[in-house]
Amino acid sequence: MSTVTTSAPTEVLDRTGSGMRTAVTAAALVGALGSAGYIAGLFLLAGASNAEAQRAPITIVECLLAGLAYVIVAVTLPGLAGVTRPPRWALSLAAAGAAFVGVQGWVYGTMVANLANVLPEDVFEDAGKETFLLNLTLLPSMVLCLAGYVSLAIVGWRRKATSRGASILLILAGLAALLGPFPPVGLLGGLALAWVARSAKPITG
């Protein structure tokens, strides 16, 4: 009787941990895939204008895929705190950064694509020029990804809660966020968070 009562919670925790790891890993990899597709499109659609590239169906699909995937990452990532050793505060801060990456991806796939459809190409080009206000819209993503990913990397490394490779990739992802647009941080962050989800040490009694 005592064997049943002590092993059942452990089995439930193992199943919960496995499901949470799978959810974060799958969503993070899809986010990385969508971001990589956008970057590849910059080369594949090099002959097209910026407006043509932004309203291309493949670009829209990649952006929406990355946006939705990162929203799922943001929702599921803090759940790793109940089954793995990285602390909840670090996971939640990284999840906040992931949420803003998701927002960027969704905006690129909807609002930016719509503007590329309805505006004359010269007006669309002018609207995309770098200004203080435009950079300000990217600031939350830049700050939260840098703080969240680097914090998770450092605490995971120091507590030996995640692999060193995942920590290094997280730091690179945080620095990539300073570039502004979502694809670089989306690619590196997705790969890093998937690695964290798979490599994070489980909570043991």
C-alpha atoms as a PDB file:
ATOM      1  CA  MET A   1       0.000   0.000   0.000  1.00  0.00           C
ATOM      2  CA  SER A   2       2.803   2.392   0.904  1.00  0.00           C
ATOM      3  CA  THR A   3       4.550   1.590  -2.386  1.00  0.00           C
ATOM      4  CA  VAL A   4       1.497   2.707  -4.347  1.00  0.00           C
ATOM      5  CA  THR A   5       1.115   5.962  -2.450  1.00  0.00           C
ATOM      6  CA  THR A   6       4.785   6.950  -2.855  1.00  0.00           C
ATOM      7  CA  SER A   7       5.286   5.917  -6.468  1.00  0.00           C
ATOM      8  CA  ALA A   8       2.067   7.332  -7.908  1.00  0.00           C
ATOM      9  CA  PRO A   9       3.011  11.002  -7.392  1.00  0.00           C
ATOM     10  CA  THR A  10       6.422  10.317  -8.943  1.00  0.00           C
ATOM     11  CA  GLU A  11       4.823   8.738 -11.995  1.00  0.00           C
ATOM     12  CA  VAL A  12       2.432  11.678 -12.356  1.00  0.00           C
ATOM     13  CA  LEU A  13       5.348  14.139 -12.054  1.00  0.00           C
ATOM     14  CA  ASP A  14       7.305  12.230 -14.679  1.00  0.00           C
ATOM     15  CA  ARG A  15       4.365  12.255 -17.100  1.00  0.00           C
ATOM     16  CA  THR A  16       3.723  15.946 -16.460  1.00  0.00           C
ATOM     17  CA  GLY A  17       7.387  16.761 -16.936  1.00  0.00           C
ATOM     18  CA  SER A  18       7.598  14.787 -20.159  1.00  0.00           C
ATOM     19  CA  GLY A  19       4.483  16.474 -21.558  1.00  0.00           C
ATOM     20  CA  MET A  20       5.704  19.951 -20.593  1.00  0.00           C
ATOM     21  CA  ARG A  21       9.141  19.345 -22.080  1.00  0.00           C
ATOM     22  CA  THR A  22       7.562  18.090 -25.308  1.00  0.00           C
ATOM     23  CA  ALA A  23       5.228  21.090 -25.574  1.00  0.00           C
ATOM     24  CA  VAL A  24       8.017  23.640 -25.072  1.00  0.00           C
ATOM     25  CA  THR A  25      10.407  21.777 -27.364  1.00  0.00           C
ATOM     26  CA  ALA A  26       7.906  21.402 -30.201  1.00  0.00           C
ATOM     27  CA  ALA A  27       6.705  25.013 -30.040  1.00  0.00           C
ATOM     28  CA  ALA A  28      10.243  26.399 -29.785  1.00  0.00           C
ATOM     29  CA  LEU A  29      11.414  24.376 -32.786  1.00  0.00           C
ATOM     30  CA  VAL A  30       8.420  25.513 -34.848  1.00  0.00           C
ATOM     31  CA  GLY A  31       9.218  29.099 -33.875  1.00  0.00           C
ATOM     32  CA  ALA A  32      12.829  28.593 -34.930  1.00  0.00           C
ATOM     33  CA  LEU A  33      11.674  27.026 -38.207  1.00  0.00           C
ATOM     34  CA  GLY A  34       9.365  29.946 -39.019  1.00  0.00           C
ATOM     35  CA  SER A  35      12.123  32.434 -38.213  1.00  0.00           C
ATOM     36  CA  ALA A  36      14.661  30.521 -40.306  1.00  0.00           C
ATOM     37  CA  GLY A  37      12.187  30.479 -43.189  1.00  0.00           C
ATOM     38  CA  TYR A  38      11.830  34.262 -43.021  1.00  0.00           C
ATOM     39  CA  ILE A  39      15.611  34.692 -43.076  1.00  0.00           C
ATOM     40  CA  ALA A  40      15.926  32.277 -46.007  1.00  0.00           C
ATOM     41  CA  GLY A  41      13.226  34.241 -47.816  1.00  0.00           C
ATOM     42  CA  LEU A  42      15.418  37.341 -47.738  1.00  0.00           C
ATOM     43  CA  PHE A  43      17.787  35.498 -50.065  1.00  0.00           C
ATOM     44  CA  LEU A  44      15.223  33.548 -52.081  1.00  0.00           C
ATOM     45  CA  LEU A  45      13.171  36.694 -52.725  1.00  0.00           C
ATOM     46  CA  ALA A  46      16.199  38.930 -53.207  1.00  0.00           C
ATOM     47  CA  GLY A  47      14.962  40.018 -56.648  1.00  0.00           C
ATOM     48  CA  ALA A  48      11.623  41.230 -55.264  1.00  0.00           C
ATOM     49  CA  SER A  49      10.932  44.579 -53.665  1.00  0.00           C
ATOM     50  CA  ASN A  50      10.483  44.788 -49.894  1.00  0.00           C
ATOM     51  CA  ALA A  51       6.712  45.120 -50.302  1.00  0.00           C
ATOM     52  CA  GLU A  52       6.541  42.120 -52.620  1.00  0.00           C
ATOM     53  CA  ALA A  53       8.580  40.028 -50.199  1.00  0.00           C
ATOM     54  CA  GLN A  54       6.440  41.014 -47.203  1.00  0.00           C
ATOM     55  CA  ARG A  55       3.138  40.194 -48.896  1.00  0.00           C
ATOM     56  CA  ALA A  56       4.372  36.908 -50.394  1.00  0.00           C
ATOM     57  CA  PRO A  57       2.189  34.027 -49.098  1.00  0.00           C
ATOM     58  CA  ILE A  58       5.220  32.051 -47.905  1.00  0.00           C
ATOM     59  CA  THR A  59       6.430  35.030 -45.858  1.00  0.00           C
ATOM     60  CA  ILE A  60       3.007  35.477 -44.269  1.00  0.00           C
ATOM     61  CA  VAL A  61       2.782  31.787 -43.359  1.00  0.00           C
ATOM     62  CA  GLU A  62       6.294  31.786 -41.847  1.00  0.00           C
ATOM     63  CA  CYS A  63       5.572  34.870 -39.750  1.00  0.00           C
ATOM     64  CA  LEU A  64       2.225  33.569 -38.483  1.00  0.00           C
ATOM     65  CA  LEU A  65       3.795  30.205 -37.704  1.00  0.00           C
ATOM     66  CA  ALA A  66       6.599  31.816 -35.725  1.00  0.00           C
ATOM     67  CA  GLY A  67       4.174  34.160 -33.949  1.00  0.00           C
ATOM     68  CA  LEU A  68       1.793  31.429 -32.860  1.00  0.00           C
ATOM     69  CA  ALA A  69       4.621  29.090 -31.851  1.00  0.00           C
ATOM     70  CA  TYR A  70       6.232  31.721 -29.644  1.00  0.00           C
ATOM     71  CA  VAL A  71       2.942  32.485 -27.927  1.00  0.00           C
ATOM     72  CA  ILE A  72       2.732  28.784 -27.039  1.00  0.00           C
ATOM     73  CA  VAL A  73       6.336  28.912 -25.782  1.00  0.00           C
ATOM     74  CA  ALA A  74       5.470  31.900 -23.599  1.00  0.00           C
ATOM     75  CA  VAL A  75       2.517  30.053 -22.074  1.00  0.00           C
ATOM     76  CA  THR A  76       4.239  26.704 -21.505  1.00  0.00           C
ATOM     77  CA  LEU A  77       7.813  27.678 -20.580  1.00  0.00           C
ATOM     78  CA  PRO A  78       7.090  28.697 -16.939  1.00  0.00           C
ATOM     79  CA  GLY A  79       5.529  25.256 -16.447  1.00  0.00           C
ATOM     80  CA  LEU A  80       9.006  23.721 -16.573  1.00  0.00           C
ATOM     81  CA  ALA A  81       9.591  25.180 -13.106  1.00  0.00           C
ATOM     82  CA  GLY A  82       7.361  22.517 -11.568  1.00  0.00           C
ATOM     83  CA  VAL A  83       9.286  19.623 -13.074  1.00  0.00           C
ATOM     84  CA  THR A  84      12.840  20.890 -13.711  1.00  0.00           C
ATOM     85  CA  ARG A  85      15.485  22.722 -11.705  1.00  0.00           C
ATOM     86  CA  PRO A  86      15.644  26.151 -13.433  1.00  0.00           C
ATOM     87  CA  PRO A  87      13.805  28.674 -11.202  1.00  0.00           C
ATOM     88  CA  ARG A  88      10.373  29.970 -12.103  1.00  0.00           C
ATOM     89  CA  TRP A  89      11.433  33.624 -12.142  1.00  0.00           C
ATOM     90  CA  ALA A  90      14.078  32.999 -14.822  1.00  0.00           C
ATOM     91  CA  LEU A  91      11.730  30.865 -16.914  1.00  0.00           C
ATOM     92  CA  SER A  92       8.963  33.471 -16.593  1.00  0.00           C
ATOM     93  CA  LEU A  93      11.291  36.310 -17.625  1.00  0.00           C
ATOM     94  CA  ALA A  94      12.421  34.325 -20.667  1.00  0.00           C
ATOM     95  CA  ALA A  95       8.757  33.556 -21.422  1.00  0.00           C
ATOM     96  CA  ALA A  96       7.967  37.292 -21.386  1.00  0.00           C
ATOM     97  CA  GLY A  97      10.656  37.832 -23.999  1.00  0.00           C
ATOM     98  CA  ALA A  98       9.280  34.944 -26.049  1.00  0.00           C
ATOM     99  CA  ALA A  99       5.813  36.517 -25.899  1.00  0.00           C
ATOM    100  CA  PHE A 100       7.083  39.713 -27.511  1.00  0.00           C
ATOM    101  CA  VAL A 101       8.867  37.697 -30.205  1.00  0.00           C
ATOM    102  CA  GLY A 102       5.502  36.062 -30.868  1.00  0.00           C
ATOM    103  CA  VAL A 103       3.786  39.439 -31.088  1.00  0.00           C
ATOM    104  CA  GLN A 104       6.386  40.628 -33.581  1.00  0.00           C
ATOM    105  CA  GLY A 105       5.965  37.554 -35.742  1.00  0.00           C
ATOM    106  CA  TRP A 106       2.186  37.917 -35.761  1.00  0.00           C
ATOM    107  CA  VAL A 107       2.386  41.636 -36.609  1.00  0.00           C
ATOM    108  CA  TYR A 108       4.749  40.910 -39.500  1.00  0.00           C
ATOM    109  CA  GLY A 109       2.374  38.266 -40.836  1.00  0.00           C
ATOM    110  CA  THR A 110      -0.764  40.404 -40.527  1.00  0.00           C
ATOM    111  CA  MET A 111      -0.378  44.175 -40.248  1.00  0.00           C
ATOM    112  CA  VAL A 112       2.889  44.511 -42.165  1.00  0.00           C
ATOM    113  CA  ALA A 113       1.664  42.152 -44.900  1.00  0.00           C
ATOM    114  CA  ASN A 114      -1.582  44.122 -45.158  1.00  0.00           C
ATOM    115  CA  LEU A 115       0.282  47.424 -45.445  1.00  0.00           C
ATOM    116  CA  ALA A 116       2.445  45.901 -48.175  1.00  0.00           C
ATOM    117  CA  ASN A 117      -0.778  45.035 -50.017  1.00  0.00           C
ATOM    118  CA  VAL A 118      -2.615  48.339 -49.720  1.00  0.00           C
ATOM    119  CA  LEU A 119       0.142  50.957 -49.782  1.00  0.00           C
ATOM    120  CA  PRO A 120       2.070  52.067 -52.845  1.00  0.00           C
ATOM    121  CA  GLU A 121       5.549  50.562 -52.771  1.00  0.00           C
ATOM    122  CA  ASP A 122       7.331  53.889 -52.271  1.00  0.00           C
ATOM    123  CA  VAL A 123       5.044  54.763 -49.346  1.00  0.00           C
ATOM    124  CA  PHE A 124       5.584  51.301 -47.829  1.00  0.00           C
ATOM    125  CA  GLU A 125       9.354  51.755 -48.100  1.00  0.00           C
ATOM    126  CA  ASP A 126       9.120  55.129 -46.341  1.00  0.00           C
ATOM    127  CA  ALA A 127       6.955  53.625 -43.592  1.00  0.00           C
ATOM    128  CA  GLY A 128       9.637  51.031 -42.892  1.00  0.00           C
ATOM    129  CA  LYS A 129      12.486  53.504 -42.492  1.00  0.00           C
ATOM    130  CA  GLU A 130      14.250  53.384 -39.149  1.00  0.00           C
ATOM    131  CA  THR A 131      13.027  56.095 -36.785  1.00  0.00           C
ATOM    132  CA  PHE A 132      13.000  56.609 -33.035  1.00  0.00           C
ATOM    133  CA  LEU A 133       9.339  55.604 -32.723  1.00  0.00           C
ATOM    134  CA  LEU A 134       9.823  52.510 -34.862  1.00  0.00           C
ATOM    135  CA  ASN A 135      12.774  51.436 -32.720  1.00  0.00           C
ATOM    136  CA  LEU A 136      10.684  52.119 -29.634  1.00  0.00           C
ATOM    137  CA  THR A 137       8.159  49.485 -30.716  1.00  0.00           C
ATOM    138  CA  LEU A 138      10.971  46.913 -30.705  1.00  0.00           C
ATOM    139  CA  LEU A 139      12.357  47.952 -27.316  1.00  0.00           C
ATOM    140  CA  PRO A 140      10.249  45.613 -25.104  1.00  0.00           C
ATOM    141  CA  SER A 141      11.275  42.590 -27.146  1.00  0.00           C
ATOM    142  CA  MET A 142      14.929  43.622 -27.109  1.00  0.00           C
ATOM    143  CA  VAL A 143      15.072  44.291 -23.368  1.00  0.00           C
ATOM    144  CA  LEU A 144      13.017  41.302 -22.224  1.00  0.00           C
ATOM    145  CA  CYS A 145      14.758  38.803 -24.501  1.00  0.00           C
ATOM    146  CA  LEU A 146      18.185  40.073 -23.478  1.00  0.00           C
ATOM    147  CA  ALA A 147      17.320  40.023 -19.770  1.00  0.00           C
ATOM    148  CA  GLY A 148      15.279  36.815 -19.848  1.00  0.00           C
ATOM    149  CA  TYR A 149      17.500  34.667 -22.044  1.00  0.00           C
ATOM    150  CA  VAL A 150      20.772  35.785 -20.460  1.00  0.00           C
ATOM    151  CA  SER A 151      19.373  35.384 -16.925  1.00  0.00           C
ATOM    152  CA  LEU A 152      18.122  31.872 -17.704  1.00  0.00           C
ATOM    153  CA  ALA A 153      21.495  31.037 -19.248  1.00  0.00           C
ATOM    154  CA  ILE A 154      23.485  32.273 -16.260  1.00  0.00           C
ATOM    155  CA  VAL A 155      21.319  30.713 -13.565  1.00  0.00           C
ATOM    156  CA  GLY A 156      21.050  27.466 -15.506  1.00  0.00           C
ATOM    157  CA  TRP A 157      24.816  27.342 -15.949  1.00  0.00           C
ATOM    158  CA  ARG A 158      25.664  28.231 -12.324  1.00  0.00           C
ATOM    159  CA  ARG A 159      23.166  25.766 -10.861  1.00  0.00           C
ATOM    160  CA  LYS A 160      24.079  23.122 -13.440  1.00  0.00           C
ATOM    161  CA  ALA A 161      20.361  22.957 -14.217  1.00  0.00           C
ATOM    162  CA  THR A 162      20.783  23.124 -18.018  1.00  0.00           C
ATOM    163  CA  SER A 163      23.509  22.145 -20.442  1.00  0.00           C
ATOM    164  CA  ARG A 164      26.304  24.616 -21.112  1.00  0.00           C
ATOM    165  CA  GLY A 165      25.606  24.467 -24.836  1.00  0.00           C
ATOM    166  CA  ALA A 166      22.018  25.590 -24.244  1.00  0.00           C
ATOM    167  CA  SER A 167      23.241  28.398 -21.979  1.00  0.00           C
ATOM    168  CA  ILE A 168      25.701  29.666 -24.598  1.00  0.00           C
ATOM    169  CA  LEU A 169      23.003  29.596 -27.283  1.00  0.00           C
ATOM    170  CA  LEU A 170      20.627  31.480 -24.953  1.00  0.00           C
ATOM    171  CA  ILE A 171      23.203  34.237 -24.493  1.00  0.00           C
ATOM    172  CA  LEU A 172      23.665  34.486 -28.264  1.00  0.00           C
ATOM    173  CA  ALA A 173      19.872  34.683 -28.660  1.00  0.00           C
ATOM    174  CA  GLY A 174      19.689  37.485 -26.094  1.00  0.00           C
ATOM    175  CA  LEU A 175      22.347  39.435 -27.974  1.00  0.00           C
ATOM    176  CA  ALA A 176      20.573  38.752 -31.289  1.00  0.00           C
ATOM    177  CA  ALA A 177      17.484  40.440 -29.839  1.00  0.00           C
ATOM    178  CA  LEU A 178      19.401  43.729 -29.917  1.00  0.00           C
ATOM    179  CA  LEU A 179      19.231  43.594 -33.717  1.00  0.00           C
ATOM    180  CA  GLY A 180      15.525  44.475 -33.412  1.00  0.00           C
ATOM    181  CA  PRO A 181      13.401  42.414 -35.845  1.00  0.00           C
ATOM    182  CA  PHE A 182      12.287  38.984 -34.642  1.00  0.00           C
ATOM    183  CA  PRO A 183      13.874  36.486 -37.094  1.00  0.00           C
ATOM    184  CA  PRO A 184      17.445  36.316 -35.628  1.00  0.00           C
ATOM    185  CA  VAL A 185      16.313  36.038 -32.014  1.00  0.00           C
ATOM    186  CA  GLY A 186      13.432  33.825 -33.129  1.00  0.00           C
ATOM    187  CA  LEU A 187      15.827  31.353 -34.727  1.00  0.00           C
ATOM    188  CA  LEU A 188      18.484  31.274 -31.991  1.00  0.00           C
ATOM    189  CA  GLY A 189      15.989  31.591 -29.134  1.00  0.00           C
ATOM    190  CA  GLY A 190      13.818  28.789 -30.464  1.00  0.00           C
ATOM    191  CA  LEU A 191      16.766  26.417 -30.744  1.00  0.00           C
ATOM    192  CA  ALA A 192      18.060  27.454 -27.316  1.00  0.00           C
ATOM    193  CA  LEU A 193      14.726  27.059 -25.519  1.00  0.00           C
ATOM    194  CA  ALA A 194      14.124  23.688 -27.154  1.00  0.00           C
ATOM    195  CA  TRP A 195      17.568  22.617 -25.920  1.00  0.00           C
ATOM    196  CA  VAL A 196      16.782  23.919 -22.434  1.00  0.00           C
ATOM    197  CA  ALA A 197      13.513  22.002 -22.359  1.00  0.00           C
ATOM    198  CA  ARG A 198      15.255  18.751 -23.277  1.00  0.00           C
ATOM    199  CA  SER A 199      18.382  19.195 -21.163  1.00  0.00           C
ATOM    200  CA  ALA A 200      17.010  20.794 -17.972  1.00  0.00           C
ATOM    201  CA  LYS A 201      17.728  18.629 -14.945  1.00  0.00           C
ATOM    202  CA  PRO A 202      14.561  17.208 -13.355  1.00  0.00           C
ATOM    203  CA  ILE A 203      13.507  17.982  -9.809  1.00  0.00           C
ATOM    204  CA  THR A 204      14.500  15.110  -7.585  1.00  0.00           C
ATOM    205  CA  GLY A 205      13.569  14.313  -4.058  1.00  0.00           C
END
